[in-house]
Amino acid sequence: MTAYVIGIRTKTTNADELKEYGRRAPEARLPGMKALARYGAFEVLEGPAIEGAVIIEFPSVEEAKAWYNSPKYQEIVKHRFAGAEYQMIIIEGV
């Protein structure tokens, strides 16, 4: 069943690190991944303010986890950890 990874950036802490993450993130793409939304215009309807969000579609929860836990992504994600505060979730589609 289709799954979605949703990343919500709540606060930038180091713009240079975040820029490096953005530059390198495409290196970790896997077949079947599809960006549905990436830091486009948004409106927060409820909850605290955010800086932006991404939604990535995967063929399954297992494939989403495989991407997130892959050595390549884990090598790159350290720049996101150093550059911003995020919430990342995986949610199964209907």
PDB file of N, CA and C in Angstrom:
ATOM      1  N   MET A   1       0.836  -1.177   0.000  1.00  0.00           N
ATOM      2  CA  MET A   1       0.000   0.000   0.000  1.00  0.00           C
ATOM      3  C   MET A   1       0.886   1.247   0.000  1.00  0.00           C
ATOM      4  N   THR A   2       0.477   2.253  -0.734  1.00  0.00           N
ATOM      5  CA  THR A   2       1.223   3.501  -0.846  1.00  0.00           C
ATOM      6  C   THR A   2       1.469   4.112   0.527  1.00  0.00           C
ATOM      7  N   ALA A   3       2.632   4.754   0.671  1.00  0.00           N
ATOM      8  CA  ALA A   3       2.984   5.441   1.915  1.00  0.00           C
ATOM      9  C   ALA A   3       3.541   6.816   1.580  1.00  0.00           C
ATOM     10  N   TYR A   4       3.466   7.682   2.554  1.00  0.00           N
ATOM     11  CA  TYR A   4       3.936   9.052   2.375  1.00  0.00           C
ATOM     12  C   TYR A   4       4.874   9.421   3.511  1.00  0.00           C
ATOM     13  N   VAL A   5       5.983  10.052   3.160  1.00  0.00           N
ATOM     14  CA  VAL A   5       6.859  10.655   4.157  1.00  0.00           C
ATOM     15  C   VAL A   5       6.545  12.136   4.131  1.00  0.00           C
ATOM     16  N   ILE A   6       6.244  12.669   5.303  1.00  0.00           N
ATOM     17  CA  ILE A   6       5.938  14.086   5.441  1.00  0.00           C
ATOM     18  C   ILE A   6       7.005  14.696   6.332  1.00  0.00           C
ATOM     19  N   GLY A   7       7.679  15.691   5.801  1.00  0.00           N
ATOM     20  CA  GLY A   7       8.694  16.409   6.556  1.00  0.00           C
ATOM     21  C   GLY A   7       8.227  17.832   6.797  1.00  0.00           C
ATOM     22  N   ILE A   8       8.247  18.246   8.047  1.00  0.00           N
ATOM     23  CA  ILE A   8       7.801  19.591   8.407  1.00  0.00           C
ATOM     24  C   ILE A   8       8.959  20.319   9.072  1.00  0.00           C
ATOM     25  N   ARG A   9       9.418  21.385   8.416  1.00  0.00           N
ATOM     26  CA  ARG A   9      10.512  22.181   8.996  1.00  0.00           C
ATOM     27  C   ARG A   9       9.898  23.248   9.894  1.00  0.00           C
ATOM     28  N   THR A  10      10.306  23.211  11.168  1.00  0.00           N
ATOM     29  CA  THR A  10       9.762  24.160  12.128  1.00  0.00           C
ATOM     30  C   THR A  10      10.707  25.327  12.396  1.00  0.00           C
ATOM     31  N   LYS A  11      12.014  25.094  12.252  1.00  0.00           N
ATOM     32  CA  LYS A  11      12.952  26.178  12.555  1.00  0.00           C
ATOM     33  C   LYS A  11      14.306  25.903  11.906  1.00  0.00           C
ATOM     34  N   THR A  12      14.815  26.863  11.143  1.00  0.00           N
ATOM     35  CA  THR A  12      16.167  26.772  10.583  1.00  0.00           C
ATOM     36  C   THR A  12      17.153  27.213  11.649  1.00  0.00           C
ATOM     37  N   THR A  13      18.197  26.407  11.840  1.00  0.00           N
ATOM     38  CA  THR A  13      19.223  26.734  12.829  1.00  0.00           C
ATOM     39  C   THR A  13      20.580  27.026  12.194  1.00  0.00           C
ATOM     40  N   ASN A  14      20.804  26.531  10.967  1.00  0.00           N
ATOM     41  CA  ASN A  14      22.065  26.778  10.261  1.00  0.00           C
ATOM     42  C   ASN A  14      21.769  26.700   8.759  1.00  0.00           C
ATOM     43  N   ALA A  15      21.640  27.858   8.144  1.00  0.00           N
ATOM     44  CA  ALA A  15      21.249  27.919   6.730  1.00  0.00           C
ATOM     45  C   ALA A  15      22.248  27.225   5.817  1.00  0.00           C
ATOM     46  N   ASP A  16      23.540  27.302   6.123  1.00  0.00           N
ATOM     47  CA  ASP A  16      24.546  26.655   5.278  1.00  0.00           C
ATOM     48  C   ASP A  16      24.399  25.138   5.304  1.00  0.00           C
ATOM     49  N   GLU A  17      24.170  24.570   6.484  1.00  0.00           N
ATOM     50  CA  GLU A  17      23.973  23.115   6.585  1.00  0.00           C
ATOM     51  C   GLU A  17      22.697  22.695   5.858  1.00  0.00           C
ATOM     52  N   LEU A  18      21.659  23.493   5.994  1.00  0.00           N
ATOM     53  CA  LEU A  18      20.403  23.171   5.328  1.00  0.00           C
ATOM     54  C   LEU A  18      20.562  23.246   3.812  1.00  0.00           C
ATOM     55  N   LYS A  19      21.320  24.208   3.341  1.00  0.00           N
ATOM     56  CA  LYS A  19      21.592  24.324   1.904  1.00  0.00           C
ATOM     57  C   LYS A  19      22.360  23.096   1.404  1.00  0.00           C
ATOM     58  N   GLU A  20      23.330  22.625   2.183  1.00  0.00           N
ATOM     59  CA  GLU A  20      24.089  21.428   1.803  1.00  0.00           C
ATOM     60  C   GLU A  20      23.177  20.207   1.753  1.00  0.00           C
ATOM     61  N   TYR A  21      22.269  20.093   2.706  1.00  0.00           N
ATOM     62  CA  TYR A  21      21.305  18.996   2.676  1.00  0.00           C
ATOM     63  C   TYR A  21      20.473  19.065   1.394  1.00  0.00           C
ATOM     64  N   GLY A  22      19.964  20.236   1.077  1.00  0.00           N
ATOM     65  CA  GLY A  22      19.156  20.400  -0.124  1.00  0.00           C
ATOM     66  C   GLY A  22      19.911  20.073  -1.399  1.00  0.00           C
ATOM     67  N   ARG A  23      21.188  20.407  -1.420  1.00  0.00           N
ATOM     68  CA  ARG A  23      22.024  20.114  -2.586  1.00  0.00           C
ATOM     69  C   ARG A  23      22.244  18.609  -2.746  1.00  0.00           C
ATOM     70  N   ARG A  24      22.416  17.920  -1.627  1.00  0.00           N
ATOM     71  CA  ARG A  24      22.785  16.506  -1.684  1.00  0.00           C
ATOM     72  C   ARG A  24      21.615  15.532  -1.599  1.00  0.00           C
ATOM     73  N   ALA A  25      20.474  15.964  -1.112  1.00  0.00           N
ATOM     74  CA  ALA A  25      19.336  15.056  -0.919  1.00  0.00           C
ATOM     75  C   ALA A  25      18.969  14.263  -2.175  1.00  0.00           C
ATOM     76  N   PRO A  26      19.004  14.853  -3.370  1.00  0.00           N
ATOM     77  CA  PRO A  26      18.655  14.070  -4.567  1.00  0.00           C
ATOM     78  C   PRO A  26      19.549  12.842  -4.789  1.00  0.00           C
ATOM     79  N   GLU A  27      20.751  12.831  -4.220  1.00  0.00           N
ATOM     80  CA  GLU A  27      21.647  11.673  -4.370  1.00  0.00           C
ATOM     81  C   GLU A  27      21.050  10.407  -3.763  1.00  0.00           C
ATOM     82  N   ALA A  28      20.135  10.566  -2.814  1.00  0.00           N
ATOM     83  CA  ALA A  28      19.574   9.411  -2.102  1.00  0.00           C
ATOM     84  C   ALA A  28      18.247   8.938  -2.689  1.00  0.00           C
ATOM     85  N   ARG A  29      17.822   9.511  -3.792  1.00  0.00           N
ATOM     86  CA  ARG A  29      16.548   9.093  -4.400  1.00  0.00           C
ATOM     87  C   ARG A  29      16.583   7.619  -4.785  1.00  0.00           C
ATOM     88  N   LEU A  30      15.438   6.987  -4.606  1.00  0.00           N
ATOM     89  CA  LEU A  30      15.271   5.586  -4.989  1.00  0.00           C
ATOM     90  C   LEU A  30      14.171   5.487  -6.035  1.00  0.00           C
ATOM     91  N   PRO A  31      14.203   4.445  -6.860  1.00  0.00           N
ATOM     92  CA  PRO A  31      13.109   4.247  -7.815  1.00  0.00           C
ATOM     93  C   PRO A  31      11.785   4.139  -7.060  1.00  0.00           C
ATOM     94  N   GLY A  32      10.758   4.720  -7.608  1.00  0.00           N
ATOM     95  CA  GLY A  32       9.442   4.659  -6.984  1.00  0.00           C
ATOM     96  C   GLY A  32       9.116   5.841  -6.088  1.00  0.00           C
ATOM     97  N   MET A  33      10.135   6.634  -5.711  1.00  0.00           N
ATOM     98  CA  MET A  33       9.882   7.839  -4.912  1.00  0.00           C
ATOM     99  C   MET A  33       9.279   8.910  -5.809  1.00  0.00           C
ATOM    100  N   LYS A  34       8.347   9.680  -5.258  1.00  0.00           N
ATOM    101  CA  LYS A  34       7.756  10.754  -6.040  1.00  0.00           C
ATOM    102  C   LYS A  34       7.449  11.930  -5.109  1.00  0.00           C
ATOM    103  N   ALA A  35       8.073  13.074  -5.369  1.00  0.00           N
ATOM    104  CA  ALA A  35       7.782  14.273  -4.584  1.00  0.00           C
ATOM    105  C   ALA A  35       6.420  14.807  -5.000  1.00  0.00           C
ATOM    106  N   LEU A  36       5.527  14.945  -4.043  1.00  0.00           N
ATOM    107  CA  LEU A  36       4.191  15.472  -4.308  1.00  0.00           C
ATOM    108  C   LEU A  36       4.093  16.946  -3.936  1.00  0.00           C
ATOM    109  N   ALA A  37       4.857  17.369  -2.950  1.00  0.00           N
ATOM    110  CA  ALA A  37       4.895  18.772  -2.521  1.00  0.00           C
ATOM    111  C   ALA A  37       6.274  19.033  -1.934  1.00  0.00           C
ATOM    112  N   ARG A  38       6.825  20.202  -2.259  1.00  0.00           N
ATOM    113  CA  ARG A  38       8.163  20.519  -1.759  1.00  0.00           C
ATOM    114  C   ARG A  38       8.270  22.028  -1.536  1.00  0.00           C
ATOM    115  N   TYR A  39       8.040  22.442  -0.318  1.00  0.00           N
ATOM    116  CA  TYR A  39       8.222  23.834   0.106  1.00  0.00           C
ATOM    117  C   TYR A  39       7.479  24.836  -0.768  1.00  0.00           C
ATOM    118  N   GLY A  40       6.289  24.446  -1.214  1.00  0.00           N
ATOM    119  CA  GLY A  40       5.440  25.374  -1.944  1.00  0.00           C
ATOM    120  C   GLY A  40       4.689  26.289  -0.978  1.00  0.00           C
ATOM    121  N   ALA A  41       3.856  27.121  -1.538  1.00  0.00           N
ATOM    122  CA  ALA A  41       3.029  27.999  -0.717  1.00  0.00           C
ATOM    123  C   ALA A  41       2.145  27.147   0.198  1.00  0.00           C
ATOM    124  N   PHE A  42       1.944  27.597   1.419  1.00  0.00           N
ATOM    125  CA  PHE A  42       1.130  26.851   2.368  1.00  0.00           C
ATOM    126  C   PHE A  42       0.455  27.812   3.336  1.00  0.00           C
ATOM    127  N   GLU A  43      -0.503  27.278   4.044  1.00  0.00           N
ATOM    128  CA  GLU A  43      -1.191  28.028   5.099  1.00  0.00           C
ATOM    129  C   GLU A  43      -1.398  27.083   6.269  1.00  0.00           C
ATOM    130  N   VAL A  44      -0.952  27.473   7.440  1.00  0.00           N
ATOM    131  CA  VAL A  44      -1.167  26.676   8.643  1.00  0.00           C
ATOM    132  C   VAL A  44      -2.586  26.952   9.124  1.00  0.00           C
ATOM    133  N   LEU A  45      -3.397  25.903   9.173  1.00  0.00           N
ATOM    134  CA  LEU A  45      -4.779  26.047   9.621  1.00  0.00           C
ATOM    135  C   LEU A  45      -4.923  25.827  11.122  1.00  0.00           C
ATOM    136  N   GLU A  46      -4.057  24.984  11.674  1.00  0.00           N
ATOM    137  CA  GLU A  46      -4.071  24.695  13.108  1.00  0.00           C
ATOM    138  C   GLU A  46      -2.653  24.426  13.565  1.00  0.00           C
ATOM    139  N   GLY A  47      -2.374  24.708  14.808  1.00  0.00           N
ATOM    140  CA  GLY A  47      -1.078  24.398  15.388  1.00  0.00           C
ATOM    141  C   GLY A  47      -0.066  25.510  15.202  1.00  0.00           C
ATOM    142  N   PRO A  48       1.162  25.239  15.658  1.00  0.00           N
ATOM    143  CA  PRO A  48       2.211  26.261  15.613  1.00  0.00           C
ATOM    144  C   PRO A  48       2.680  26.542  14.184  1.00  0.00           C
ATOM    145  N   ALA A  49       3.284  27.688  14.019  1.00  0.00           N
ATOM    146  CA  ALA A  49       3.820  28.089  12.714  1.00  0.00           C
ATOM    147  C   ALA A  49       4.909  27.122  12.266  1.00  0.00           C
ATOM    148  N   ILE A  50       5.052  26.976  10.943  1.00  0.00           N
ATOM    149  CA  ILE A  50       6.126  26.179  10.363  1.00  0.00           C
ATOM    150  C   ILE A  50       6.807  27.009   9.279  1.00  0.00           C
ATOM    151  N   GLU A  51       7.973  26.542   8.854  1.00  0.00           N
ATOM    152  CA  GLU A  51       8.690  27.213   7.765  1.00  0.00           C
ATOM    153  C   GLU A  51       8.405  26.579   6.412  1.00  0.00           C
ATOM    154  N   GLY A  52       8.030  25.313   6.403  1.00  0.00           N
ATOM    155  CA  GLY A  52       7.757  24.639   5.143  1.00  0.00           C
ATOM    156  C   GLY A  52       7.575  23.153   5.346  1.00  0.00           C
ATOM    157  N   ALA A  53       7.185  22.476   4.260  1.00  0.00           N
ATOM    158  CA  ALA A  53       6.921  21.050   4.352  1.00  0.00           C
ATOM    159  C   ALA A  53       7.156  20.369   3.012  1.00  0.00           C
ATOM    160  N   VAL A  54       7.404  19.064   3.093  1.00  0.00           N
ATOM    161  CA  VAL A  54       7.525  18.224   1.903  1.00  0.00           C
ATOM    162  C   VAL A  54       6.645  16.992   2.084  1.00  0.00           C
ATOM    163  N   ILE A  55       6.159  16.462   0.980  1.00  0.00           N
ATOM    164  CA  ILE A  55       5.427  15.198   0.982  1.00  0.00           C
ATOM    165  C   ILE A  55       6.015  14.355  -0.132  1.00  0.00           C
ATOM    166  N   ILE A  56       6.491  13.157   0.232  1.00  0.00           N
ATOM    167  CA  ILE A  56       7.095  12.248  -0.736  1.00  0.00           C
ATOM    168  C   ILE A  56       6.313  10.942  -0.723  1.00  0.00           C
ATOM    169  N   GLU A  57       5.927  10.484  -1.903  1.00  0.00           N
ATOM    170  CA  GLU A  57       5.170   9.244  -2.038  1.00  0.00           C
ATOM    171  C   GLU A  57       6.122   8.074  -2.284  1.00  0.00           C
ATOM    172  N   PHE A  58       5.806   6.949  -1.659  1.00  0.00           N
ATOM    173  CA  PHE A  58       6.556   5.705  -1.842  1.00  0.00           C
ATOM    174  C   PHE A  58       5.564   4.581  -2.135  1.00  0.00           C
ATOM    175  N   PRO A  59       6.011   3.528  -2.805  1.00  0.00           N
ATOM    176  CA  PRO A  59       5.124   2.400  -3.077  1.00  0.00           C
ATOM    177  C   PRO A  59       4.615   1.691  -1.818  1.00  0.00           C
ATOM    178  N   SER A  60       5.383   1.766  -0.712  1.00  0.00           N
ATOM    179  CA  SER A  60       4.976   1.077   0.520  1.00  0.00           C
ATOM    180  C   SER A  60       5.698   1.698   1.718  1.00  0.00           C
ATOM    181  N   VAL A  61       5.200   1.394   2.909  1.00  0.00           N
ATOM    182  CA  VAL A  61       5.863   1.837   4.141  1.00  0.00           C
ATOM    183  C   VAL A  61       7.270   1.256   4.202  1.00  0.00           C
ATOM    184  N   GLU A  62       7.401   0.003   3.805  1.00  0.00           N
ATOM    185  CA  GLU A  62       8.715  -0.643   3.845  1.00  0.00           C
ATOM    186  C   GLU A  62       9.720   0.081   2.956  1.00  0.00           C
ATOM    187  N   GLU A  63       9.285   0.500   1.778  1.00  0.00           N
ATOM    188  CA  GLU A  63      10.196   1.212   0.879  1.00  0.00           C
ATOM    189  C   GLU A  63      10.518   2.607   1.403  1.00  0.00           C
ATOM    190  N   ALA A  64       9.565   3.252   2.067  1.00  0.00           N
ATOM    191  CA  ALA A  64       9.841   4.552   2.686  1.00  0.00           C
ATOM    192  C   ALA A  64      10.875   4.400   3.793  1.00  0.00           C
ATOM    193  N   LYS A  65      10.727   3.377   4.626  1.00  0.00           N
ATOM    194  CA  LYS A  65      11.695   3.121   5.692  1.00  0.00           C
ATOM    195  C   LYS A  65      13.058   2.743   5.123  1.00  0.00           C
ATOM    196  N   ALA A  66      13.058   1.969   4.041  1.00  0.00           N
ATOM    197  CA  ALA A  66      14.328   1.576   3.412  1.00  0.00           C
ATOM    198  C   ALA A  66      15.074   2.810   2.910  1.00  0.00           C
ATOM    199  N   TRP A  67      14.343   3.758   2.323  1.00  0.00           N
ATOM    200  CA  TRP A  67      14.977   5.007   1.886  1.00  0.00           C
ATOM    201  C   TRP A  67      15.537   5.768   3.085  1.00  0.00           C
ATOM    202  N   TYR A  68      14.697   5.985   4.105  1.00  0.00           N
ATOM    203  CA  TYR A  68      15.121   6.775   5.259  1.00  0.00           C
ATOM    204  C   TYR A  68      16.323   6.154   5.956  1.00  0.00           C
ATOM    205  N   ASN A  69      16.325   4.840   6.091  1.00  0.00           N
ATOM    206  CA  ASN A  69      17.400   4.142   6.805  1.00  0.00           C
ATOM    207  C   ASN A  69      18.587   3.777   5.927  1.00  0.00           C
ATOM    208  N   SER A  70      18.514   4.080   4.635  1.00  0.00           N
ATOM    209  CA  SER A  70      19.617   3.716   3.734  1.00  0.00           C
ATOM    210  C   SER A  70      20.906   4.416   4.124  1.00  0.00           C
ATOM    211  N   PRO A  71      22.035   3.759   3.940  1.00  0.00           N
ATOM    212  CA  PRO A  71      23.318   4.398   4.255  1.00  0.00           C
ATOM    213  C   PRO A  71      23.507   5.729   3.523  1.00  0.00           C
ATOM    214  N   LYS A  72      23.061   5.810   2.290  1.00  0.00           N
ATOM    215  CA  LYS A  72      23.238   7.046   1.520  1.00  0.00           C
ATOM    216  C   LYS A  72      22.453   8.192   2.146  1.00  0.00           C
ATOM    217  N   TYR A  73      21.176   7.960   2.480  1.00  0.00           N
ATOM    218  CA  TYR A  73      20.395   9.031   3.074  1.00  0.00           C
ATOM    219  C   TYR A  73      20.928   9.389   4.463  1.00  0.00           C
ATOM    220  N   GLN A  74      21.312   8.399   5.234  1.00  0.00           N
ATOM    221  CA  GLN A  74      21.836   8.675   6.571  1.00  0.00           C
ATOM    222  C   GLN A  74      23.141   9.476   6.515  1.00  0.00           C
ATOM    223  N   GLU A  75      23.898   9.308   5.454  1.00  0.00           N
ATOM    224  CA  GLU A  75      25.108  10.112   5.254  1.00  0.00           C
ATOM    225  C   GLU A  75      24.747  11.581   5.001  1.00  0.00           C
ATOM    226  N   ILE A  76      23.660  11.805   4.300  1.00  0.00           N
ATOM    227  CA  ILE A  76      23.243  13.151   3.907  1.00  0.00           C
ATOM    228  C   ILE A  76      22.404  13.835   4.986  1.00  0.00           C
ATOM    229  N   VAL A  77      21.560  13.081   5.675  1.00  0.00           N
ATOM    230  CA  VAL A  77      20.607  13.671   6.614  1.00  0.00           C
ATOM    231  C   VAL A  77      21.292  14.388   7.777  1.00  0.00           C
ATOM    232  N   LYS A  78      22.530  14.078   8.050  1.00  0.00           N
ATOM    233  CA  LYS A  78      23.242  14.778   9.133  1.00  0.00           C
ATOM    234  C   LYS A  78      23.266  16.293   8.876  1.00  0.00           C
ATOM    235  N   HIS A  79      23.240  16.692   7.621  1.00  0.00           N
ATOM    236  CA  HIS A  79      23.212  18.123   7.300  1.00  0.00           C
ATOM    237  C   HIS A  79      21.852  18.734   7.652  1.00  0.00           C
ATOM    238  N   ARG A  80      20.789  17.973   7.464  1.00  0.00           N
ATOM    239  CA  ARG A  80      19.464  18.467   7.862  1.00  0.00           C
ATOM    240  C   ARG A  80      19.383  18.572   9.373  1.00  0.00           C
ATOM    241  N   PHE A  81      19.908  17.559  10.075  1.00  0.00           N
ATOM    242  CA  PHE A  81      19.906  17.603  11.537  1.00  0.00           C
ATOM    243  C   PHE A  81      20.665  18.828  12.047  1.00  0.00           C
ATOM    244  N   ALA A  82      21.765  19.169  11.392  1.00  0.00           N
ATOM    245  CA  ALA A  82      22.581  20.324  11.798  1.00  0.00           C
ATOM    246  C   ALA A  82      21.982  21.647  11.341  1.00  0.00           C
ATOM    247  N   GLY A  83      21.062  21.596  10.384  1.00  0.00           N
ATOM    248  CA  GLY A  83      20.552  22.818   9.781  1.00  0.00           C
ATOM    249  C   GLY A  83      19.174  23.264  10.201  1.00  0.00           C
ATOM    250  N   ALA A  84      18.386  22.352  10.786  1.00  0.00           N
ATOM    251  CA  ALA A  84      17.005  22.743  11.096  1.00  0.00           C
ATOM    252  C   ALA A  84      16.356  21.752  12.058  1.00  0.00           C
ATOM    253  N   GLU A  85      15.277  22.219  12.652  1.00  0.00           N
ATOM    254  CA  GLU A  85      14.425  21.349  13.456  1.00  0.00           C
ATOM    255  C   GLU A  85      13.282  20.891  12.563  1.00  0.00           C
ATOM    256  N   TYR A  86      13.025  19.596  12.566  1.00  0.00           N
ATOM    257  CA  TYR A  86      12.022  18.981  11.693  1.00  0.00           C
ATOM    258  C   TYR A  86      11.172  17.999  12.472  1.00  0.00           C
ATOM    259  N   GLN A  87      10.020  17.720  11.919  1.00  0.00           N
ATOM    260  CA  GLN A  87       9.243  16.536  12.253  1.00  0.00           C
ATOM    261  C   GLN A  87       9.169  15.735  10.978  1.00  0.00           C
ATOM    262  N   MET A  88       9.421  14.431  11.043  1.00  0.00           N
ATOM    263  CA  MET A  88       9.315  13.541   9.891  1.00  0.00           C
ATOM    264  C   MET A  88       8.426  12.381  10.295  1.00  0.00           C
ATOM    265  N   ILE A  89       7.440  12.101   9.456  1.00  0.00           N
ATOM    266  CA  ILE A  89       6.553  10.971   9.724  1.00  0.00           C
ATOM    267  C   ILE A  89       6.368  10.155   8.454  1.00  0.00           C
ATOM    268  N   ILE A  90       6.033   8.897   8.646  1.00  0.00           N
ATOM    269  CA  ILE A  90       5.603   8.026   7.559  1.00  0.00           C
ATOM    270  C   ILE A  90       4.149   7.686   7.859  1.00  0.00           C
ATOM    271  N   ILE A  91       3.316   7.838   6.849  1.00  0.00           N
ATOM    272  CA  ILE A  91       1.902   7.500   7.016  1.00  0.00           C
ATOM    273  C   ILE A  91       1.464   6.628   5.843  1.00  0.00           C
ATOM    274  N   GLU A  92       0.725   5.582   6.176  1.00  0.00           N
ATOM    275  CA  GLU A  92       0.219   4.675   5.143  1.00  0.00           C
ATOM    276  C   GLU A  92      -0.990   5.298   4.458  1.00  0.00           C
ATOM    277  N   GLY A  93      -1.031   5.161   3.149  1.00  0.00           N
ATOM    278  CA  GLY A  93      -2.161   5.675   2.382  1.00  0.00           C
ATOM    279  C   GLY A  93      -3.395   4.795   2.539  1.00  0.00           C
ATOM    280  N   VAL A  94      -4.477   5.246   1.948  1.00  0.00           N
ATOM    281  CA  VAL A  94      -5.730   4.480   2.030  1.00  0.00           C
ATOM    282  C   VAL A  94      -5.990   3.764   0.721  1.00  0.00           C
TER     283      VAL A  94
END
